[in-house]
Amino acid sequence: MSGETRLLCRLSDIPDGEARGFSAPPGGFTGLFAVRRGETVHVYVNSCPHIGVPLEPVPDRFLDRKRELIVCAAHGARFRVEDGVCVS
């Protein structure tokens, strides 16, 4: 890990309660995604920890219908937004 900081976007670019994906940086293997909750943004690697595939079925669709949990489109695993812990 390089320890470098990279600006992904402005806070206003992610609607409150929504998520947005970001492509991998040059030379990078996996992209990132961010979920906004008020003034807090949680950023994760866009890869299911169970099977290693990108989480979203279409761009920027990382959350369940209620916008409460992150969902893996490949096998339905659900993760808490606040800490990424798998809950089902």
PDB file of N, CA and C in Angstrom:
ATOM      1  N   MET A   1       0.843  -1.175   0.000  1.00  0.00           N
ATOM      2  CA  MET A   1       0.000   0.000   0.000  1.00  0.00           C
ATOM      3  C   MET A   1       0.883   1.231   0.000  1.00  0.00           C
ATOM      4  N   SER A   2       0.560   2.182  -0.846  1.00  0.00           N
ATOM      5  CA  SER A   2       1.417   3.347  -1.013  1.00  0.00           C
ATOM      6  C   SER A   2       1.208   4.398   0.066  1.00  0.00           C
ATOM      7  N   GLY A   3       0.050   4.415   0.707  1.00  0.00           N
ATOM      8  CA  GLY A   3      -0.222   5.420   1.716  1.00  0.00           C
ATOM      9  C   GLY A   3      -0.596   6.760   1.135  1.00  0.00           C
ATOM     10  N   GLU A   4      -0.723   6.847  -0.189  1.00  0.00           N
ATOM     11  CA  GLU A   4      -1.072   8.119  -0.801  1.00  0.00           C
ATOM     12  C   GLU A   4      -2.573   8.368  -0.695  1.00  0.00           C
ATOM     13  N   THR A   5      -2.924   9.630  -0.624  1.00  0.00           N
ATOM     14  CA  THR A   5      -4.315  10.035  -0.555  1.00  0.00           C
ATOM     15  C   THR A   5      -4.779  10.432  -1.949  1.00  0.00           C
ATOM     16  N   ARG A   6      -5.989  10.010  -2.288  1.00  0.00           N
ATOM     17  CA  ARG A   6      -6.531  10.335  -3.602  1.00  0.00           C
ATOM     18  C   ARG A   6      -7.944  10.859  -3.415  1.00  0.00           C
ATOM     19  N   LEU A   7      -8.231  12.018  -3.952  1.00  0.00           N
ATOM     20  CA  LEU A   7      -9.558  12.589  -3.894  1.00  0.00           C
ATOM     21  C   LEU A   7     -10.438  11.843  -4.884  1.00  0.00           C
ATOM     22  N   LEU A   8     -11.523  11.263  -4.408  1.00  0.00           N
ATOM     23  CA  LEU A   8     -12.418  10.515  -5.283  1.00  0.00           C
ATOM     24  C   LEU A   8     -13.473  11.415  -5.917  1.00  0.00           C
ATOM     25  N   CYS A   9     -14.067  12.289  -5.107  1.00  0.00           N
ATOM     26  CA  CYS A   9     -15.092  13.207  -5.601  1.00  0.00           C
ATOM     27  C   CYS A   9     -15.450  14.172  -4.473  1.00  0.00           C
ATOM     28  N   ARG A  10     -16.352  15.083  -4.766  1.00  0.00           N
ATOM     29  CA  ARG A  10     -16.869  15.968  -3.720  1.00  0.00           C
ATOM     30  C   ARG A  10     -17.990  15.250  -2.972  1.00  0.00           C
ATOM     31  N   LEU A  11     -18.200  15.600  -1.735  1.00  0.00           N
ATOM     32  CA  LEU A  11     -19.280  15.012  -0.944  1.00  0.00           C
ATOM     33  C   LEU A  11     -20.617  15.169  -1.667  1.00  0.00           C
ATOM     34  N   SER A  12     -20.834  16.302  -2.268  1.00  0.00           N
ATOM     35  CA  SER A  12     -22.099  16.567  -2.958  1.00  0.00           C
ATOM     36  C   SER A  12     -22.295  15.696  -4.206  1.00  0.00           C
ATOM     37  N   ASP A  13     -21.233  15.036  -4.677  1.00  0.00           N
ATOM     38  CA  ASP A  13     -21.353  14.145  -5.831  1.00  0.00           C
ATOM     39  C   ASP A  13     -22.011  12.814  -5.491  1.00  0.00           C
ATOM     40  N   ILE A  14     -22.123  12.508  -4.212  1.00  0.00           N
ATOM     41  CA  ILE A  14     -22.792  11.282  -3.768  1.00  0.00           C
ATOM     42  C   ILE A  14     -24.033  11.702  -2.983  1.00  0.00           C
ATOM     43  N   PRO A  15     -25.232  11.448  -3.493  1.00  0.00           N
ATOM     44  CA  PRO A  15     -26.434  11.812  -2.745  1.00  0.00           C
ATOM     45  C   PRO A  15     -26.470  11.093  -1.395  1.00  0.00           C
ATOM     46  N   ASP A  16     -26.977  11.757  -0.391  1.00  0.00           N
ATOM     47  CA  ASP A  16     -27.079  11.169   0.945  1.00  0.00           C
ATOM     48  C   ASP A  16     -27.872   9.863   0.869  1.00  0.00           C
ATOM     49  N   GLY A  17     -27.326   8.801   1.464  1.00  0.00           N
ATOM     50  CA  GLY A  17     -27.981   7.503   1.463  1.00  0.00           C
ATOM     51  C   GLY A  17     -27.704   6.658   0.233  1.00  0.00           C
ATOM     52  N   GLU A  18     -26.871   7.149  -0.659  1.00  0.00           N
ATOM     53  CA  GLU A  18     -26.569   6.435  -1.904  1.00  0.00           C
ATOM     54  C   GLU A  18     -25.109   6.003  -1.944  1.00  0.00           C
ATOM     55  N   ALA A  19     -24.744   5.305  -3.017  1.00  0.00           N
ATOM     56  CA  ALA A  19     -23.379   4.826  -3.206  1.00  0.00           C
ATOM     57  C   ALA A  19     -22.899   5.208  -4.598  1.00  0.00           C
ATOM     58  N   ARG A  20     -21.581   5.240  -4.739  1.00  0.00           N
ATOM     59  CA  ARG A  20     -20.989   5.547  -6.045  1.00  0.00           C
ATOM     60  C   ARG A  20     -19.699   4.754  -6.199  1.00  0.00           C
ATOM     61  N   GLY A  21     -19.508   4.177  -7.378  1.00  0.00           N
ATOM     62  CA  GLY A  21     -18.305   3.413  -7.666  1.00  0.00           C
ATOM     63  C   GLY A  21     -17.241   4.256  -8.323  1.00  0.00           C
ATOM     64  N   PHE A  22     -15.992   3.834  -8.175  1.00  0.00           N
ATOM     65  CA  PHE A  22     -14.834   4.524  -8.748  1.00  0.00           C
ATOM     66  C   PHE A  22     -13.915   3.493  -9.375  1.00  0.00           C
ATOM     67  N   SER A  23     -13.446   3.778 -10.575  1.00  0.00           N
ATOM     68  CA  SER A  23     -12.540   2.872 -11.284  1.00  0.00           C
ATOM     69  C   SER A  23     -11.227   2.732 -10.539  1.00  0.00           C
ATOM     70  N   ALA A  24     -10.554   1.637 -10.825  1.00  0.00           N
ATOM     71  CA  ALA A  24      -9.226   1.427 -10.246  1.00  0.00           C
ATOM     72  C   ALA A  24      -8.271   2.496 -10.760  1.00  0.00           C
ATOM     73  N   PRO A  25      -7.327   2.932  -9.941  1.00  0.00           N
ATOM     74  CA  PRO A  25      -6.337   3.901 -10.408  1.00  0.00           C
ATOM     75  C   PRO A  25      -5.436   3.246 -11.447  1.00  0.00           C
ATOM     76  N   PRO A  26      -4.724   4.044 -12.212  1.00  0.00           N
ATOM     77  CA  PRO A  26      -3.805   3.474 -13.198  1.00  0.00           C
ATOM     78  C   PRO A  26      -2.876   2.442 -12.546  1.00  0.00           C
ATOM     79  N   GLY A  27      -2.827   1.272 -13.125  1.00  0.00           N
ATOM     80  CA  GLY A  27      -2.004   0.203 -12.572  1.00  0.00           C
ATOM     81  C   GLY A  27      -2.680  -0.567 -11.457  1.00  0.00           C
ATOM     82  N   GLY A  28      -3.858  -0.116 -11.049  1.00  0.00           N
ATOM     83  CA  GLY A  28      -4.589  -0.791  -9.972  1.00  0.00           C
ATOM     84  C   GLY A  28      -5.417  -1.941 -10.500  1.00  0.00           C
ATOM     85  N   PHE A  29      -5.756  -2.859  -9.635  1.00  0.00           N
ATOM     86  CA  PHE A  29      -6.484  -4.064 -10.026  1.00  0.00           C
ATOM     87  C   PHE A  29      -7.980  -3.944  -9.761  1.00  0.00           C
ATOM     88  N   THR A  30      -8.344  -3.297  -8.668  1.00  0.00           N
ATOM     89  CA  THR A  30      -9.747  -3.249  -8.246  1.00  0.00           C
ATOM     90  C   THR A  30     -10.160  -1.821  -7.935  1.00  0.00           C
ATOM     91  N   GLY A  31     -11.391  -1.491  -8.297  1.00  0.00           N
ATOM     92  CA  GLY A  31     -11.931  -0.176  -8.002  1.00  0.00           C
ATOM     93  C   GLY A  31     -12.422  -0.065  -6.572  1.00  0.00           C
ATOM     94  N   LEU A  32     -12.956   1.077  -6.259  1.00  0.00           N
ATOM     95  CA  LEU A  32     -13.495   1.372  -4.934  1.00  0.00           C
ATOM     96  C   LEU A  32     -14.955   1.764  -5.074  1.00  0.00           C
ATOM     97  N   PHE A  33     -15.661   1.808  -3.943  1.00  0.00           N
ATOM     98  CA  PHE A  33     -16.976   2.423  -3.923  1.00  0.00           C
ATOM     99  C   PHE A  33     -17.158   3.121  -2.595  1.00  0.00           C
ATOM    100  N   ALA A  34     -17.999   4.136  -2.608  1.00  0.00           N
ATOM    101  CA  ALA A  34     -18.246   4.935  -1.413  1.00  0.00           C
ATOM    102  C   ALA A  34     -19.737   4.983  -1.143  1.00  0.00           C
ATOM    103  N   VAL A  35     -20.093   4.930   0.133  1.00  0.00           N
ATOM    104  CA  VAL A  35     -21.483   5.043   0.563  1.00  0.00           C
ATOM    105  C   VAL A  35     -21.566   6.241   1.493  1.00  0.00           C
ATOM    106  N   ARG A  36     -22.498   7.134   1.209  1.00  0.00           N
ATOM    107  CA  ARG A  36     -22.658   8.341   2.025  1.00  0.00           C
ATOM    108  C   ARG A  36     -23.802   8.180   3.004  1.00  0.00           C
ATOM    109  N   ARG A  37     -23.533   8.565   4.255  1.00  0.00           N
ATOM    110  CA  ARG A  37     -24.524   8.631   5.323  1.00  0.00           C
ATOM    111  C   ARG A  37     -24.370   9.996   5.979  1.00  0.00           C
ATOM    112  N   GLY A  38     -25.161  10.961   5.538  1.00  0.00           N
ATOM    113  CA  GLY A  38     -25.017  12.320   6.056  1.00  0.00           C
ATOM    114  C   GLY A  38     -23.683  12.898   5.630  1.00  0.00           C
ATOM    115  N   GLU A  39     -22.902  13.342   6.590  1.00  0.00           N
ATOM    116  CA  GLU A  39     -21.585  13.922   6.306  1.00  0.00           C
ATOM    117  C   GLU A  39     -20.475  12.872   6.337  1.00  0.00           C
ATOM    118  N   THR A  40     -20.829  11.624   6.607  1.00  0.00           N
ATOM    119  CA  THR A  40     -19.853  10.539   6.686  1.00  0.00           C
ATOM    120  C   THR A  40     -19.871   9.730   5.403  1.00  0.00           C
ATOM    121  N   VAL A  41     -18.680   9.377   4.924  1.00  0.00           N
ATOM    122  CA  VAL A  41     -18.553   8.538   3.734  1.00  0.00           C
ATOM    123  C   VAL A  41     -17.701   7.328   4.096  1.00  0.00           C
ATOM    124  N   HIS A  42     -18.224   6.149   3.790  1.00  0.00           N
ATOM    125  CA  HIS A  42     -17.511   4.893   4.011  1.00  0.00           C
ATOM    126  C   HIS A  42     -17.020   4.405   2.653  1.00  0.00           C
ATOM    127  N   VAL A  43     -15.726   4.095   2.540  1.00  0.00           N
ATOM    128  CA  VAL A  43     -15.138   3.677   1.268  1.00  0.00           C
ATOM    129  C   VAL A  43     -14.603   2.257   1.411  1.00  0.00           C
ATOM    130  N   TYR A  44     -14.933   1.429   0.405  1.00  0.00           N
ATOM    131  CA  TYR A  44     -14.526   0.028   0.414  1.00  0.00           C
ATOM    132  C   TYR A  44     -13.970  -0.373  -0.954  1.00  0.00           C
ATOM    133  N   VAL A  45     -13.219  -1.452  -0.969  1.00  0.00           N
ATOM    134  CA  VAL A  45     -12.752  -2.057  -2.213  1.00  0.00           C
ATOM    135  C   VAL A  45     -13.957  -2.742  -2.858  1.00  0.00           C
ATOM    136  N   ASN A  46     -14.125  -2.558  -4.150  1.00  0.00           N
ATOM    137  CA  ASN A  46     -15.260  -3.133  -4.867  1.00  0.00           C
ATOM    138  C   ASN A  46     -14.975  -4.583  -5.240  1.00  0.00           C
ATOM    139  N   SER A  47     -14.975  -5.437  -4.244  1.00  0.00           N
ATOM    140  CA  SER A  47     -14.723  -6.860  -4.451  1.00  0.00           C
ATOM    141  C   SER A  47     -15.359  -7.645  -3.313  1.00  0.00           C
ATOM    142  N   CYS A  48     -16.157  -8.646  -3.648  1.00  0.00           N
ATOM    143  CA  CYS A  48     -16.745  -9.488  -2.614  1.00  0.00           C
ATOM    144  C   CYS A  48     -15.630 -10.259  -1.910  1.00  0.00           C
ATOM    145  N   PRO A  49     -15.562 -10.208  -0.583  1.00  0.00           N
ATOM    146  CA  PRO A  49     -14.499 -10.917   0.124  1.00  0.00           C
ATOM    147  C   PRO A  49     -14.652 -12.440   0.047  1.00  0.00           C
ATOM    148  N   HIS A  50     -15.830 -12.921  -0.336  1.00  0.00           N
ATOM    149  CA  HIS A  50     -16.064 -14.360  -0.422  1.00  0.00           C
ATOM    150  C   HIS A  50     -15.640 -14.952  -1.762  1.00  0.00           C
ATOM    151  N   ILE A  51     -15.967 -14.254  -2.862  1.00  0.00           N
ATOM    152  CA  ILE A  51     -15.697 -14.837  -4.179  1.00  0.00           C
ATOM    153  C   ILE A  51     -14.884 -13.932  -5.108  1.00  0.00           C
ATOM    154  N   GLY A  52     -14.525 -12.737  -4.646  1.00  0.00           N
ATOM    155  CA  GLY A  52     -13.598 -11.886  -5.380  1.00  0.00           C
ATOM    156  C   GLY A  52     -14.125 -11.199  -6.626  1.00  0.00           C
ATOM    157  N   VAL A  53     -15.440 -11.087  -6.780  1.00  0.00           N
ATOM    158  CA  VAL A  53     -16.012 -10.403  -7.940  1.00  0.00           C
ATOM    159  C   VAL A  53     -16.504  -9.016  -7.533  1.00  0.00           C
ATOM    160  N   PRO A  54     -16.633  -8.101  -8.496  1.00  0.00           N
ATOM    161  CA  PRO A  54     -17.214  -6.793  -8.159  1.00  0.00           C
ATOM    162  C   PRO A  54     -18.612  -6.969  -7.560  1.00  0.00           C
ATOM    163  N   LEU A  55     -18.974  -6.099  -6.642  1.00  0.00           N
ATOM    164  CA  LEU A  55     -20.230  -6.250  -5.918  1.00  0.00           C
ATOM    165  C   LEU A  55     -21.476  -5.839  -6.688  1.00  0.00           C
ATOM    166  N   GLU A  56     -21.371  -4.831  -7.542  1.00  0.00           N
ATOM    167  CA  GLU A  56     -22.574  -4.275  -8.144  1.00  0.00           C
ATOM    168  C   GLU A  56     -22.925  -4.925  -9.475  1.00  0.00           C
ATOM    169  N   PRO A  57     -24.253  -5.077  -9.748  1.00  0.00           N
ATOM    170  CA  PRO A  57     -24.690  -5.646 -11.020  1.00  0.00           C
ATOM    171  C   PRO A  57     -24.650  -4.617 -12.148  1.00  0.00           C
ATOM    172  N   VAL A  58     -24.865  -3.377 -11.814  1.00  0.00           N
ATOM    173  CA  VAL A  58     -24.793  -2.256 -12.748  1.00  0.00           C
ATOM    174  C   VAL A  58     -24.088  -1.116 -12.022  1.00  0.00           C
ATOM    175  N   PRO A  59     -23.511  -0.151 -12.736  1.00  0.00           N
ATOM    176  CA  PRO A  59     -22.760   0.917 -12.073  1.00  0.00           C
ATOM    177  C   PRO A  59     -23.535   1.597 -10.935  1.00  0.00           C
ATOM    178  N   ASP A  60     -22.857   1.757  -9.831  1.00  0.00           N
ATOM    179  CA  ASP A  60     -23.342   2.488  -8.650  1.00  0.00           C
ATOM    180  C   ASP A  60     -24.489   1.808  -7.907  1.00  0.00           C
ATOM    181  N   ARG A  61     -24.804   0.553  -8.187  1.00  0.00           N
ATOM    182  CA  ARG A  61     -25.873  -0.138  -7.463  1.00  0.00           C
ATOM    183  C   ARG A  61     -25.259  -1.130  -6.473  1.00  0.00           C
ATOM    184  N   PHE A  62     -24.884  -0.614  -5.321  1.00  0.00           N
ATOM    185  CA  PHE A  62     -24.219  -1.409  -4.294  1.00  0.00           C
ATOM    186  C   PHE A  62     -25.131  -1.747  -3.119  1.00  0.00           C
ATOM    187  N   LEU A  63     -26.238  -1.044  -2.981  1.00  0.00           N
ATOM    188  CA  LEU A  63     -27.082  -1.159  -1.799  1.00  0.00           C
ATOM    189  C   LEU A  63     -28.356  -1.948  -2.073  1.00  0.00           C
ATOM    190  N   ASP A  64     -28.931  -2.493  -0.994  1.00  0.00           N
ATOM    191  CA  ASP A  64     -30.210  -3.180  -1.126  1.00  0.00           C
ATOM    192  C   ASP A  64     -31.323  -2.164  -1.398  1.00  0.00           C
ATOM    193  N   ARG A  65     -32.516  -2.650  -1.609  1.00  0.00           N
ATOM    194  CA  ARG A  65     -33.637  -1.764  -1.971  1.00  0.00           C
ATOM    195  C   ARG A  65     -33.957  -0.721  -0.905  1.00  0.00           C
ATOM    196  N   LYS A  66     -33.731  -1.077   0.352  1.00  0.00           N
ATOM    197  CA  LYS A  66     -33.992  -0.132   1.446  1.00  0.00           C
ATOM    198  C   LYS A  66     -32.822   0.827   1.679  1.00  0.00           C
ATOM    199  N   ARG A  67     -31.737   0.637   0.948  1.00  0.00           N
ATOM    200  CA  ARG A  67     -30.520   1.445   1.081  1.00  0.00           C
ATOM    201  C   ARG A  67     -29.882   1.305   2.469  1.00  0.00           C
ATOM    202  N   GLU A  68     -30.039   0.108   3.067  1.00  0.00           N
ATOM    203  CA  GLU A  68     -29.508  -0.125   4.407  1.00  0.00           C
ATOM    204  C   GLU A  68     -28.230  -0.948   4.412  1.00  0.00           C
ATOM    205  N   LEU A  69     -28.084  -1.876   3.471  1.00  0.00           N
ATOM    206  CA  LEU A  69     -26.945  -2.789   3.455  1.00  0.00           C
ATOM    207  C   LEU A  69     -26.286  -2.813   2.084  1.00  0.00           C
ATOM    208  N   ILE A  70     -24.994  -3.123   2.069  1.00  0.00           N
ATOM    209  CA  ILE A  70     -24.263  -3.372   0.835  1.00  0.00           C
ATOM    210  C   ILE A  70     -24.567  -4.814   0.444  1.00  0.00           C
ATOM    211  N   VAL A  71     -24.795  -5.062  -0.840  1.00  0.00           N
ATOM    212  CA  VAL A  71     -25.159  -6.408  -1.298  1.00  0.00           C
ATOM    213  C   VAL A  71     -24.230  -6.858  -2.410  1.00  0.00           C
ATOM    214  N   CYS A  72     -23.804  -8.108  -2.348  1.00  0.00           N
ATOM    215  CA  CYS A  72     -23.055  -8.721  -3.446  1.00  0.00           C
ATOM    216  C   CYS A  72     -24.077  -9.240  -4.454  1.00  0.00           C
ATOM    217  N   ALA A  73     -24.037  -8.729  -5.666  1.00  0.00           N
ATOM    218  CA  ALA A  73     -24.983  -9.140  -6.702  1.00  0.00           C
ATOM    219  C   ALA A  73     -24.770 -10.592  -7.123  1.00  0.00           C
ATOM    220  N   ALA A  74     -23.564 -11.119  -6.954  1.00  0.00           N
ATOM    221  CA  ALA A  74     -23.269 -12.477  -7.414  1.00  0.00           C
ATOM    222  C   ALA A  74     -23.904 -13.553  -6.542  1.00  0.00           C
ATOM    223  N   HIS A  75     -23.903 -13.360  -5.212  1.00  0.00           N
ATOM    224  CA  HIS A  75     -24.439 -14.427  -4.358  1.00  0.00           C
ATOM    225  C   HIS A  75     -25.270 -13.926  -3.179  1.00  0.00           C
ATOM    226  N   GLY A  76     -25.545 -12.637  -3.125  1.00  0.00           N
ATOM    227  CA  GLY A  76     -26.486 -12.108  -2.141  1.00  0.00           C
ATOM    228  C   GLY A  76     -25.964 -11.836  -0.750  1.00  0.00           C
ATOM    229  N   ALA A  77     -24.662 -11.957  -0.511  1.00  0.00           N
ATOM    230  CA  ALA A  77     -24.134 -11.631   0.812  1.00  0.00           C
ATOM    231  C   ALA A  77     -24.448 -10.168   1.115  1.00  0.00           C
ATOM    232  N   ARG A  78     -24.727  -9.879   2.380  1.00  0.00           N
ATOM    233  CA  ARG A  78     -25.074  -8.516   2.799  1.00  0.00           C
ATOM    234  C   ARG A  78     -24.088  -8.046   3.860  1.00  0.00           C
ATOM    235  N   PHE A  79     -23.702  -6.768   3.741  1.00  0.00           N
ATOM    236  CA  PHE A  79     -22.687  -6.189   4.616  1.00  0.00           C
ATOM    237  C   PHE A  79     -23.194  -4.878   5.200  1.00  0.00           C
ATOM    238  N   ARG A  80     -22.844  -4.615   6.462  1.00  0.00           N
ATOM    239  CA  ARG A  80     -23.194  -3.331   7.071  1.00  0.00           C
ATOM    240  C   ARG A  80     -22.400  -2.217   6.412  1.00  0.00           C
ATOM    241  N   VAL A  81     -23.041  -1.092   6.204  1.00  0.00           N
ATOM    242  CA  VAL A  81     -22.375   0.076   5.614  1.00  0.00           C
ATOM    243  C   VAL A  81     -21.325   0.622   6.559  1.00  0.00           C
ATOM    244  N   GLU A  82     -21.614   0.675   7.835  1.00  0.00           N
ATOM    245  CA  GLU A  82     -20.756   1.334   8.810  1.00  0.00           C
ATOM    246  C   GLU A  82     -19.380   0.714   8.983  1.00  0.00           C
ATOM    247  N   ASP A  83     -19.288  -0.623   8.827  1.00  0.00           N
ATOM    248  CA  ASP A  83     -17.999  -1.273   9.071  1.00  0.00           C
ATOM    249  C   ASP A  83     -17.667  -2.413   8.109  1.00  0.00           C
ATOM    250  N   GLY A  84     -18.555  -2.710   7.166  1.00  0.00           N
ATOM    251  CA  GLY A  84     -18.292  -3.745   6.175  1.00  0.00           C
ATOM    252  C   GLY A  84     -18.455  -5.164   6.666  1.00  0.00           C
ATOM    253  N   VAL A  85     -18.934  -5.359   7.882  1.00  0.00           N
ATOM    254  CA  VAL A  85     -19.108  -6.702   8.428  1.00  0.00           C
ATOM    255  C   VAL A  85     -20.247  -7.418   7.696  1.00  0.00           C
ATOM    256  N   CYS A  86     -20.007  -8.687   7.334  1.00  0.00           N
ATOM    257  CA  CYS A  86     -21.011  -9.498   6.660  1.00  0.00           C
ATOM    258  C   CYS A  86     -22.066  -9.919   7.693  1.00  0.00           C
ATOM    259  N   VAL A  87     -23.331  -9.642   7.370  1.00  0.00           N
ATOM    260  CA  VAL A  87     -24.415  -9.962   8.305  1.00  0.00           C
ATOM    261  C   VAL A  87     -25.324 -11.084   7.793  1.00  0.00           C
ATOM    262  N   SER A  88     -25.219 -11.434   6.539  1.00  0.00           N
ATOM    263  CA  SER A  88     -25.990 -12.577   6.021  1.00  0.00           C
ATOM    264  C   SER A  88     -25.435 -13.020   4.684  1.00  0.00           C
TER     265      SER A  88
END
